[in-house]
Amino acid sequence: KDSTQTFIINTKTPWETVIGPVEKGFNATLGVIKSGSTDNSLKLYTQISVSINNEPFVLKKIDGSDIPRTSVNINYTVGNWER
């Protein structure tokens, strides 16, 4: 509740985590920042998926680009009906 989770992940390593359960109105924010030198950028792909009542996850927000960059930030607010 109203907290920030910080994870340090090795460069070029796929990563995922599950947060929850959460209530409707929950605002999920995913920010990725390349640490260290900004001389080299990464191809960053991020997504937020939601599952309700143990059903399969459904993609709700995505930000992917083949253009190298040093950061990306996406967010999604869980609504009443997620199907």
N, C-alpha and C. Protein backbone atom coordinates (compact mmCIF):
# COMPACT_ATOMS: atom_id res chain seq x y z
N LYS A 1 0.84 -1.19 0.00
CA LYS A 1 0.00 0.00 0.00
C LYS A 1 0.88 1.24 0.00
N ASP A 2 0.70 2.02 -1.03
CA ASP A 2 1.46 3.26 -1.18
C ASP A 2 2.95 3.07 -0.93
N SER A 3 3.50 2.02 -1.53
CA SER A 3 4.93 1.78 -1.35
C SER A 3 5.60 1.61 -2.70
N THR A 4 6.90 1.75 -2.67
CA THR A 4 7.71 1.59 -3.87
C THR A 4 8.60 0.38 -3.69
N GLN A 5 8.65 -0.47 -4.69
CA GLN A 5 9.55 -1.62 -4.70
C GLN A 5 10.67 -1.32 -5.69
N THR A 6 11.90 -1.51 -5.30
CA THR A 6 13.04 -1.28 -6.18
C THR A 6 13.77 -2.58 -6.40
N PHE A 7 14.05 -2.89 -7.66
CA PHE A 7 14.76 -4.12 -8.01
C PHE A 7 15.96 -3.72 -8.87
N ILE A 8 17.08 -4.34 -8.64
CA ILE A 8 18.26 -4.13 -9.49
C ILE A 8 18.43 -5.39 -10.32
N ILE A 9 18.36 -5.22 -11.63
CA ILE A 9 18.39 -6.34 -12.57
C ILE A 9 19.59 -6.19 -13.49
N ASN A 10 20.26 -7.31 -13.79
CA ASN A 10 21.38 -7.26 -14.71
C ASN A 10 20.91 -6.83 -16.10
N THR A 11 21.75 -6.08 -16.78
CA THR A 11 21.44 -5.62 -18.12
C THR A 11 21.16 -6.80 -19.04
N LYS A 12 20.17 -6.63 -19.90
CA LYS A 12 19.79 -7.62 -20.91
C LYS A 12 19.27 -8.92 -20.30
N THR A 13 18.71 -8.82 -19.11
CA THR A 13 18.13 -9.99 -18.45
C THR A 13 16.62 -9.83 -18.41
N PRO A 14 15.85 -10.74 -19.04
CA PRO A 14 14.39 -10.64 -18.92
C PRO A 14 14.00 -10.76 -17.44
N TRP A 15 12.96 -10.03 -17.05
CA TRP A 15 12.57 -10.00 -15.65
C TRP A 15 11.06 -9.81 -15.55
N GLU A 16 10.45 -10.45 -14.55
CA GLU A 16 9.04 -10.25 -14.27
C GLU A 16 8.78 -10.49 -12.80
N THR A 17 7.70 -9.90 -12.30
CA THR A 17 7.28 -10.11 -10.92
C THR A 17 5.77 -9.98 -10.85
N VAL A 18 5.19 -10.54 -9.81
CA VAL A 18 3.75 -10.43 -9.58
C VAL A 18 3.54 -9.63 -8.30
N ILE A 19 2.68 -8.64 -8.36
CA ILE A 19 2.33 -7.81 -7.21
C ILE A 19 0.85 -8.06 -6.92
N GLY A 20 0.52 -8.36 -5.68
CA GLY A 20 -0.90 -8.52 -5.38
C GLY A 20 -1.13 -9.58 -4.34
N PRO A 21 -2.36 -9.78 -4.00
CA PRO A 21 -3.53 -9.19 -4.67
C PRO A 21 -3.68 -7.70 -4.36
N VAL A 22 -4.38 -7.00 -5.27
CA VAL A 22 -4.64 -5.58 -5.10
C VAL A 22 -6.14 -5.34 -5.32
N GLU A 23 -6.60 -4.19 -4.90
CA GLU A 23 -8.00 -3.82 -5.05
C GLU A 23 -8.18 -2.93 -6.27
N LYS A 24 -9.44 -2.82 -6.76
CA LYS A 24 -9.69 -1.90 -7.86
C LYS A 24 -9.28 -0.50 -7.42
N GLY A 25 -8.80 0.26 -8.36
CA GLY A 25 -8.27 1.59 -8.06
C GLY A 25 -6.78 1.59 -7.82
N PHE A 26 -6.18 0.39 -7.72
CA PHE A 26 -4.72 0.29 -7.52
C PHE A 26 -4.01 0.87 -8.74
N ASN A 27 -3.06 1.75 -8.49
CA ASN A 27 -2.28 2.34 -9.57
C ASN A 27 -0.92 1.67 -9.64
N ALA A 28 -0.70 0.93 -10.71
CA ALA A 28 0.58 0.25 -10.92
C ALA A 28 1.45 1.13 -11.81
N THR A 29 2.66 1.40 -11.36
CA THR A 29 3.62 2.17 -12.14
C THR A 29 4.89 1.35 -12.27
N LEU A 30 5.39 1.25 -13.49
CA LEU A 30 6.62 0.52 -13.75
C LEU A 30 7.60 1.47 -14.42
N GLY A 31 8.69 1.73 -13.73
CA GLY A 31 9.73 2.59 -14.28
C GLY A 31 11.04 1.83 -14.35
N VAL A 32 11.71 1.96 -15.48
CA VAL A 32 13.00 1.31 -15.67
C VAL A 32 14.01 2.39 -16.02
N ILE A 33 15.12 2.40 -15.29
CA ILE A 33 16.17 3.38 -15.52
C ILE A 33 17.49 2.64 -15.65
N LYS A 34 18.21 2.90 -16.71
CA LYS A 34 19.53 2.32 -16.89
C LYS A 34 20.49 3.04 -15.95
N SER A 35 21.16 2.29 -15.10
CA SER A 35 22.10 2.92 -14.18
C SER A 35 23.48 3.01 -14.83
N GLY A 36 24.31 3.77 -14.23
CA GLY A 36 25.67 3.91 -14.73
C GLY A 36 25.73 4.90 -15.88
N SER A 37 26.71 4.71 -16.74
CA SER A 37 26.95 5.61 -17.85
C SER A 37 25.74 5.67 -18.78
N THR A 38 25.42 6.87 -19.23
CA THR A 38 24.34 7.03 -20.20
C THR A 38 24.86 7.03 -21.63
N ASP A 39 26.16 6.69 -21.80
CA ASP A 39 26.75 6.63 -23.14
C ASP A 39 26.09 5.55 -23.99
N ASN A 40 25.73 4.43 -23.36
CA ASN A 40 25.09 3.33 -24.07
C ASN A 40 23.65 3.21 -23.60
N SER A 41 22.74 3.05 -24.55
CA SER A 41 21.34 2.89 -24.22
C SER A 41 20.91 1.45 -24.47
N LEU A 42 19.72 1.09 -24.00
CA LEU A 42 19.19 -0.26 -24.14
C LEU A 42 17.87 -0.23 -24.89
N LYS A 43 17.52 -1.34 -25.50
CA LYS A 43 16.19 -1.51 -26.08
C LYS A 43 15.30 -2.01 -24.95
N LEU A 44 14.49 -1.13 -24.39
CA LEU A 44 13.69 -1.44 -23.23
C LEU A 44 12.25 -1.77 -23.63
N TYR A 45 11.75 -2.89 -23.15
CA TYR A 45 10.38 -3.33 -23.39
C TYR A 45 9.71 -3.53 -22.04
N THR A 46 8.60 -2.84 -21.79
CA THR A 46 7.89 -2.98 -20.52
C THR A 46 6.42 -3.26 -20.77
N GLN A 47 5.81 -3.98 -19.84
CA GLN A 47 4.38 -4.22 -19.94
C GLN A 47 3.78 -4.46 -18.56
N ILE A 48 2.49 -4.13 -18.44
CA ILE A 48 1.72 -4.41 -17.23
C ILE A 48 0.55 -5.28 -17.64
N SER A 49 0.42 -6.43 -16.98
CA SER A 49 -0.68 -7.35 -17.23
C SER A 49 -1.47 -7.53 -15.94
N VAL A 50 -2.76 -7.83 -16.07
CA VAL A 50 -3.65 -7.96 -14.91
C VAL A 50 -4.38 -9.29 -14.97
N SER A 51 -4.53 -9.92 -13.81
CA SER A 51 -5.32 -11.15 -13.69
C SER A 51 -6.39 -10.92 -12.63
N ILE A 52 -7.60 -11.40 -12.89
CA ILE A 52 -8.68 -11.29 -11.92
C ILE A 52 -9.20 -12.68 -11.59
N ASN A 53 -9.35 -12.97 -10.32
CA ASN A 53 -9.89 -14.26 -9.87
C ASN A 53 -9.14 -15.46 -10.44
N ASN A 54 -7.81 -15.41 -10.43
CA ASN A 54 -6.95 -16.51 -10.90
C ASN A 54 -7.12 -16.84 -12.37
N GLU A 55 -7.69 -15.95 -13.16
CA GLU A 55 -7.79 -16.16 -14.60
C GLU A 55 -6.44 -15.80 -15.23
N PRO A 56 -6.25 -16.13 -16.51
CA PRO A 56 -4.99 -15.79 -17.18
C PRO A 56 -4.75 -14.27 -17.17
N PHE A 57 -3.49 -13.89 -17.16
CA PHE A 57 -3.14 -12.47 -17.21
C PHE A 57 -3.50 -11.89 -18.57
N VAL A 58 -3.96 -10.63 -18.56
CA VAL A 58 -4.32 -9.91 -19.77
C VAL A 58 -3.45 -8.67 -19.85
N LEU A 59 -2.82 -8.47 -20.99
CA LEU A 59 -1.97 -7.31 -21.21
C LEU A 59 -2.81 -6.03 -21.20
N LYS A 60 -2.42 -5.08 -20.36
CA LYS A 60 -3.17 -3.82 -20.24
C LYS A 60 -2.38 -2.62 -20.70
N LYS A 61 -1.07 -2.65 -20.56
CA LYS A 61 -0.24 -1.51 -20.95
C LYS A 61 1.09 -2.04 -21.45
N ILE A 62 1.59 -1.46 -22.53
CA ILE A 62 2.88 -1.89 -23.08
C ILE A 62 3.63 -0.68 -23.62
N ASP A 63 4.93 -0.72 -23.49
CA ASP A 63 5.80 0.29 -24.08
C ASP A 63 7.07 -0.43 -24.50
N GLY A 64 7.18 -0.68 -25.78
CA GLY A 64 8.35 -1.35 -26.32
C GLY A 64 8.88 -0.57 -27.50
N SER A 65 10.18 -0.54 -27.64
CA SER A 65 10.78 0.21 -28.73
C SER A 65 12.10 -0.41 -29.12
N ASP A 66 12.37 -0.43 -30.41
CA ASP A 66 13.67 -0.88 -30.89
C ASP A 66 14.68 0.26 -30.88
N ILE A 67 14.21 1.44 -30.54
CA ILE A 67 15.11 2.59 -30.45
C ILE A 67 15.75 2.58 -29.05
N PRO A 68 17.06 2.50 -28.97
CA PRO A 68 17.72 2.46 -27.67
C PRO A 68 17.40 3.70 -26.84
N ARG A 69 17.22 3.50 -25.54
CA ARG A 69 16.91 4.60 -24.62
C ARG A 69 17.43 4.24 -23.23
N THR A 70 17.44 5.20 -22.35
CA THR A 70 17.99 4.98 -21.00
C THR A 70 16.89 4.79 -19.95
N SER A 71 15.63 5.05 -20.31
CA SER A 71 14.56 4.87 -19.33
C SER A 71 13.21 4.70 -20.02
N VAL A 72 12.26 4.17 -19.27
CA VAL A 72 10.86 4.05 -19.72
C VAL A 72 9.99 4.05 -18.47
N ASN A 73 8.78 4.58 -18.59
CA ASN A 73 7.86 4.65 -17.46
C ASN A 73 6.43 4.43 -17.98
N ILE A 74 5.73 3.45 -17.42
CA ILE A 74 4.33 3.22 -17.78
C ILE A 74 3.51 3.05 -16.50
N ASN A 75 2.20 3.30 -16.62
CA ASN A 75 1.33 3.06 -15.46
C ASN A 75 -0.04 2.61 -15.93
N TYR A 76 -0.76 1.97 -15.02
CA TYR A 76 -2.09 1.48 -15.30
C TYR A 76 -2.86 1.42 -13.99
N THR A 77 -4.11 1.90 -14.01
CA THR A 77 -4.97 1.84 -12.83
C THR A 77 -5.99 0.72 -13.01
N VAL A 78 -6.03 -0.19 -12.05
CA VAL A 78 -6.94 -1.33 -12.11
C VAL A 78 -8.37 -0.81 -11.96
N GLY A 79 -9.24 -1.19 -12.92
CA GLY A 79 -10.61 -0.71 -12.93
C GLY A 79 -11.60 -1.75 -12.40
N ASN A 80 -12.89 -1.46 -12.55
CA ASN A 80 -13.95 -2.34 -12.09
C ASN A 80 -13.99 -3.65 -12.86
N TRP A 81 -13.86 -3.59 -14.16
CA TRP A 81 -13.97 -4.78 -15.01
C TRP A 81 -12.70 -4.91 -15.81
N GLU A 82 -11.94 -5.95 -15.58
CA GLU A 82 -10.64 -6.12 -16.22
C GLU A 82 -10.67 -7.11 -17.37
N ARG A 83 -11.78 -7.63 -17.71
CA ARG A 83 -11.85 -8.64 -18.77
C ARG A 83 -11.71 -8.02 -20.14
